[in-house]
Amino acid sequence: MSLKWRLMLLFAAATLLVWTLVNAFLYRNALDEVDALYDLHLAQSARVLLALAETGADGGDLEEVAGTIPRLVPPSLPWSHVTDAAAEMPMGPHERAIAFQLLTRTGSIVLASEDAPEEPFARGVAGFSDSDIGSITWRVFGVADPKR
């Protein structure tokens, strides 16, 4: 084999190695970015749920909220048919990607999404954590109402 062919083969192998390393780095970086976006969405959803709970309870107990959170548009408003139509729409494969639980200070579940486990995700843990319930590892974001 001539020197020219050996150099071309060496250059091709080096290029392939560099491209493989760069792609592995970019892939790992993309996964980290997606994880950060999911965490941001999880935290934002938890804060929205807390705000809805505060609004629904109107300074009372969280137990009062159980009947108000699922119905975001009161039936007395003229556009309440929107919630009925939304409930009948077929769900996409990623639409149930977030499960939630609304707990009292004592740790009892007041309100939960359909796919949430019956066991609380995290008791009194603020911020991000991972919770193993059954065979599923849940990514959890806990937020508490500082006024209660």
C-alpha atoms as a PDB file:
ATOM      1  CA  MET A   1       0.000   0.000   0.000  1.00  0.00           C
ATOM      2  CA  SER A   2       1.385   3.359  -0.983  1.00  0.00           C
ATOM      3  CA  LEU A   3       2.034   6.232   1.379  1.00  0.00           C
ATOM      4  CA  LYS A   4      -0.746   8.219  -0.286  1.00  0.00           C
ATOM      5  CA  TRP A   5      -3.354   5.537   0.533  1.00  0.00           C
ATOM      6  CA  ARG A   6      -2.110   5.138   4.092  1.00  0.00           C
ATOM      7  CA  LEU A   7      -2.339   8.892   4.699  1.00  0.00           C
ATOM      8  CA  MET A   8      -5.869   9.010   3.208  1.00  0.00           C
ATOM      9  CA  LEU A   9      -6.935   6.086   5.391  1.00  0.00           C
ATOM     10  CA  LEU A  10      -5.407   7.705   8.474  1.00  0.00           C
ATOM     11  CA  PHE A  11      -7.108  11.023   7.650  1.00  0.00           C
ATOM     12  CA  ALA A  12     -10.472   9.284   7.098  1.00  0.00           C
ATOM     13  CA  ALA A  13     -10.162   7.389  10.384  1.00  0.00           C
ATOM     14  CA  ALA A  14      -9.200  10.572  12.266  1.00  0.00           C
ATOM     15  CA  THR A  15     -12.130  12.450  10.694  1.00  0.00           C
ATOM     16  CA  LEU A  16     -14.528   9.643  11.627  1.00  0.00           C
ATOM     17  CA  LEU A  17     -13.231   9.644  15.213  1.00  0.00           C
ATOM     18  CA  VAL A  18     -13.580  13.427  15.541  1.00  0.00           C
ATOM     19  CA  TRP A  19     -17.108  13.355  14.087  1.00  0.00           C
ATOM     20  CA  THR A  20     -18.091  10.533  16.440  1.00  0.00           C
ATOM     21  CA  LEU A  21     -16.781  12.429  19.486  1.00  0.00           C
ATOM     22  CA  VAL A  22     -18.466  15.687  18.408  1.00  0.00           C
ATOM     23  CA  ASN A  23     -21.781  13.922  17.776  1.00  0.00           C
ATOM     24  CA  ALA A  24     -21.617  12.148  21.140  1.00  0.00           C
ATOM     25  CA  PHE A  25     -20.988  15.497  22.863  1.00  0.00           C
ATOM     26  CA  LEU A  26     -23.825  17.204  20.960  1.00  0.00           C
ATOM     27  CA  TYR A  27     -26.224  14.331  21.714  1.00  0.00           C
ATOM     28  CA  ARG A  28     -25.432  14.447  25.435  1.00  0.00           C
ATOM     29  CA  ASN A  29     -25.787  18.235  25.440  1.00  0.00           C
ATOM     30  CA  ALA A  30     -29.170  17.983  23.682  1.00  0.00           C
ATOM     31  CA  LEU A  31     -30.387  15.460  26.282  1.00  0.00           C
ATOM     32  CA  ASP A  32     -29.330  17.812  29.093  1.00  0.00           C
ATOM     33  CA  GLU A  33     -31.195  20.698  27.421  1.00  0.00           C
ATOM     34  CA  VAL A  34     -34.365  18.615  27.044  1.00  0.00           C
ATOM     35  CA  ASP A  35     -34.139  17.553  30.703  1.00  0.00           C
ATOM     36  CA  ALA A  36     -33.804  21.210  31.726  1.00  0.00           C
ATOM     37  CA  LEU A  37     -36.835  22.141  29.606  1.00  0.00           C
ATOM     38  CA  TYR A  38     -38.912  19.348  31.165  1.00  0.00           C
ATOM     39  CA  ASP A  39     -37.850  20.486  34.634  1.00  0.00           C
ATOM     40  CA  LEU A  40     -38.828  24.056  33.783  1.00  0.00           C
ATOM     41  CA  HIS A  41     -42.221  22.885  32.525  1.00  0.00           C
ATOM     42  CA  LEU A  42     -42.723  20.766  35.644  1.00  0.00           C
ATOM     43  CA  ALA A  43     -41.912  23.685  37.957  1.00  0.00           C
ATOM     44  CA  GLN A  44     -44.151  26.047  36.003  1.00  0.00           C
ATOM     45  CA  SER A  45     -47.046  23.558  36.078  1.00  0.00           C
ATOM     46  CA  ALA A  46     -46.659  23.118  39.845  1.00  0.00           C
ATOM     47  CA  ARG A  47     -46.748  26.876  40.398  1.00  0.00           C
ATOM     48  CA  VAL A  48     -49.844  27.238  38.201  1.00  0.00           C
ATOM     49  CA  LEU A  49     -51.565  24.430  40.124  1.00  0.00           C
ATOM     50  CA  LEU A  50     -50.678  26.127  43.416  1.00  0.00           C
ATOM     51  CA  ALA A  51     -52.064  29.436  42.137  1.00  0.00           C
ATOM     52  CA  LEU A  52     -55.287  27.704  41.065  1.00  0.00           C
ATOM     53  CA  ALA A  53     -55.530  26.040  44.462  1.00  0.00           C
ATOM     54  CA  GLU A  54     -55.063  29.372  46.236  1.00  0.00           C
ATOM     55  CA  THR A  55     -57.716  30.974  44.047  1.00  0.00           C
ATOM     56  CA  GLY A  56     -60.109  28.060  44.491  1.00  0.00           C
ATOM     57  CA  ALA A  57     -59.718  27.904  48.255  1.00  0.00           C
ATOM     58  CA  ASP A  58     -60.169  31.688  48.742  1.00  0.00           C
ATOM     59  CA  GLY A  59     -58.305  31.592  52.010  1.00  0.00           C
ATOM     60  CA  GLY A  60     -60.075  28.440  53.219  1.00  0.00           C
ATOM     61  CA  ASP A  61     -58.976  24.830  53.400  1.00  0.00           C
ATOM     62  CA  LEU A  62     -57.458  23.021  50.447  1.00  0.00           C
ATOM     63  CA  GLU A  63     -60.160  20.369  50.790  1.00  0.00           C
ATOM     64  CA  GLU A  64     -62.532  22.960  49.283  1.00  0.00           C
ATOM     65  CA  VAL A  65     -60.430  23.014  46.128  1.00  0.00           C
ATOM     66  CA  ALA A  66     -61.143  19.412  45.113  1.00  0.00           C
ATOM     67  CA  GLY A  67     -64.378  20.405  43.410  1.00  0.00           C
ATOM     68  CA  THR A  68     -63.060  23.558  41.748  1.00  0.00           C
ATOM     69  CA  ILE A  69     -59.760  22.679  40.063  1.00  0.00           C
ATOM     70  CA  PRO A  70     -61.018  20.222  37.411  1.00  0.00           C
ATOM     71  CA  ARG A  71     -63.655  22.731  36.318  1.00  0.00           C
ATOM     72  CA  LEU A  72     -61.540  25.695  35.248  1.00  0.00           C
ATOM     73  CA  VAL A  73     -64.436  27.528  33.572  1.00  0.00           C
ATOM     74  CA  PRO A  74     -67.492  27.972  35.821  1.00  0.00           C
ATOM     75  CA  PRO A  75     -70.688  26.556  34.254  1.00  0.00           C
ATOM     76  CA  SER A  76     -72.467  29.890  34.654  1.00  0.00           C
ATOM     77  CA  LEU A  77     -70.232  31.535  32.047  1.00  0.00           C
ATOM     78  CA  PRO A  78     -71.450  31.499  28.435  1.00  0.00           C
ATOM     79  CA  TRP A  79     -68.291  29.814  27.133  1.00  0.00           C
ATOM     80  CA  SER A  80     -68.456  26.852  29.528  1.00  0.00           C
ATOM     81  CA  HIS A  81     -69.119  24.538  26.559  1.00  0.00           C
ATOM     82  CA  VAL A  82     -65.381  24.821  25.821  1.00  0.00           C
ATOM     83  CA  THR A  83     -64.499  22.597  28.785  1.00  0.00           C
ATOM     84  CA  ASP A  84     -67.046  19.981  27.695  1.00  0.00           C
ATOM     85  CA  ALA A  85     -65.622  19.966  24.170  1.00  0.00           C
ATOM     86  CA  ALA A  86     -62.065  19.734  25.493  1.00  0.00           C
ATOM     87  CA  ALA A  87     -63.001  16.751  27.671  1.00  0.00           C
ATOM     88  CA  GLU A  88     -64.308  14.866  24.631  1.00  0.00           C
ATOM     89  CA  MET A  89     -61.214  15.475  22.481  1.00  0.00           C
ATOM     90  CA  PRO A  90     -58.933  12.453  21.972  1.00  0.00           C
ATOM     91  CA  MET A  91     -55.686  12.690  23.902  1.00  0.00           C
ATOM     92  CA  GLY A  92     -52.306  12.545  22.217  1.00  0.00           C
ATOM     93  CA  PRO A  93     -49.587  10.102  23.325  1.00  0.00           C
ATOM     94  CA  HIS A  94     -47.710  12.778  25.331  1.00  0.00           C
ATOM     95  CA  GLU A  95     -50.693  14.608  26.753  1.00  0.00           C
ATOM     96  CA  ARG A  96     -50.518  12.764  30.065  1.00  0.00           C
ATOM     97  CA  ALA A  97     -46.803  13.298  30.504  1.00  0.00           C
ATOM     98  CA  ILE A  98     -47.339  15.214  33.758  1.00  0.00           C
ATOM     99  CA  ALA A  99     -49.208  13.833  36.740  1.00  0.00           C
ATOM    100  CA  PHE A 100     -49.963  16.016  39.731  1.00  0.00           C
ATOM    101  CA  GLN A 101     -51.030  15.727  43.342  1.00  0.00           C
ATOM    102  CA  LEU A 102     -52.298  18.455  45.640  1.00  0.00           C
ATOM    103  CA  LEU A 103     -51.496  17.626  49.255  1.00  0.00           C
ATOM    104  CA  THR A 104     -52.419  19.203  52.560  1.00  0.00           C
ATOM    105  CA  ARG A 105     -49.742  19.991  55.153  1.00  0.00           C
ATOM    106  CA  THR A 106     -50.524  16.662  56.814  1.00  0.00           C
ATOM    107  CA  GLY A 107     -49.660  14.824  53.581  1.00  0.00           C
ATOM    108  CA  SER A 108     -53.121  13.650  52.559  1.00  0.00           C
ATOM    109  CA  ILE A 109     -53.917  13.890  48.849  1.00  0.00           C
ATOM    110  CA  VAL A 110     -56.744  16.328  48.191  1.00  0.00           C
ATOM    111  CA  LEU A 111     -56.636  16.298  44.411  1.00  0.00           C
ATOM    112  CA  ALA A 112     -54.666  14.261  41.887  1.00  0.00           C
ATOM    113  CA  SER A 113     -54.531  13.737  38.152  1.00  0.00           C
ATOM    114  CA  GLU A 114     -55.888  10.547  36.677  1.00  0.00           C
ATOM    115  CA  ASP A 115     -52.481   8.850  36.276  1.00  0.00           C
ATOM    116  CA  ALA A 116     -51.006   9.934  39.605  1.00  0.00           C
ATOM    117  CA  PRO A 117     -50.255   7.120  42.053  1.00  0.00           C
ATOM    118  CA  GLU A 118     -52.250   6.861  45.267  1.00  0.00           C
ATOM    119  CA  GLU A 119     -49.064   7.237  47.284  1.00  0.00           C
ATOM    120  CA  PRO A 120     -47.805  10.855  47.613  1.00  0.00           C
ATOM    121  CA  PHE A 121     -44.898  11.693  45.328  1.00  0.00           C
ATOM    122  CA  ALA A 122     -42.891  13.502  47.990  1.00  0.00           C
ATOM    123  CA  ARG A 123     -43.830  14.538  51.501  1.00  0.00           C
ATOM    124  CA  GLY A 124     -42.649  18.027  52.342  1.00  0.00           C
ATOM    125  CA  VAL A 125     -39.834  18.096  49.786  1.00  0.00           C
ATOM    126  CA  ALA A 126     -39.557  21.474  48.096  1.00  0.00           C
ATOM    127  CA  GLY A 127     -37.849  21.696  44.732  1.00  0.00           C
ATOM    128  CA  PHE A 128     -36.811  18.848  42.455  1.00  0.00           C
ATOM    129  CA  SER A 129     -36.449  15.244  43.539  1.00  0.00           C
ATOM    130  CA  ASP A 130     -36.879  11.747  42.172  1.00  0.00           C
ATOM    131  CA  SER A 131     -39.417   9.466  43.790  1.00  0.00           C
ATOM    132  CA  ASP A 132     -39.581   5.692  43.268  1.00  0.00           C
ATOM    133  CA  ILE A 133     -43.173   4.485  43.544  1.00  0.00           C
ATOM    134  CA  GLY A 134     -43.741   0.906  42.521  1.00  0.00           C
ATOM    135  CA  SER A 135     -41.659   0.240  39.436  1.00  0.00           C
ATOM    136  CA  ILE A 136     -41.780   3.859  38.204  1.00  0.00           C
ATOM    137  CA  THR A 137     -39.320   6.626  38.969  1.00  0.00           C
ATOM    138  CA  TRP A 138     -41.155   9.966  39.011  1.00  0.00           C
ATOM    139  CA  ARG A 139     -39.464  13.325  38.539  1.00  0.00           C
ATOM    140  CA  VAL A 140     -41.075  15.498  41.206  1.00  0.00           C
ATOM    141  CA  PHE A 141     -41.206  19.242  41.818  1.00  0.00           C
ATOM    142  CA  GLY A 142     -42.638  20.204  45.178  1.00  0.00           C
ATOM    143  CA  VAL A 143     -43.861  23.691  45.981  1.00  0.00           C
ATOM    144  CA  ALA A 144     -45.599  24.845  49.145  1.00  0.00           C
ATOM    145  CA  ASP A 145     -47.893  27.751  49.855  1.00  0.00           C
ATOM    146  CA  PRO A 146     -45.863  29.929  52.239  1.00  0.00           C
ATOM    147  CA  LYS A 147     -49.054  31.433  53.666  1.00  0.00           C
ATOM    148  CA  ARG A 148     -50.408  28.077  54.871  1.00  0.00           C
END
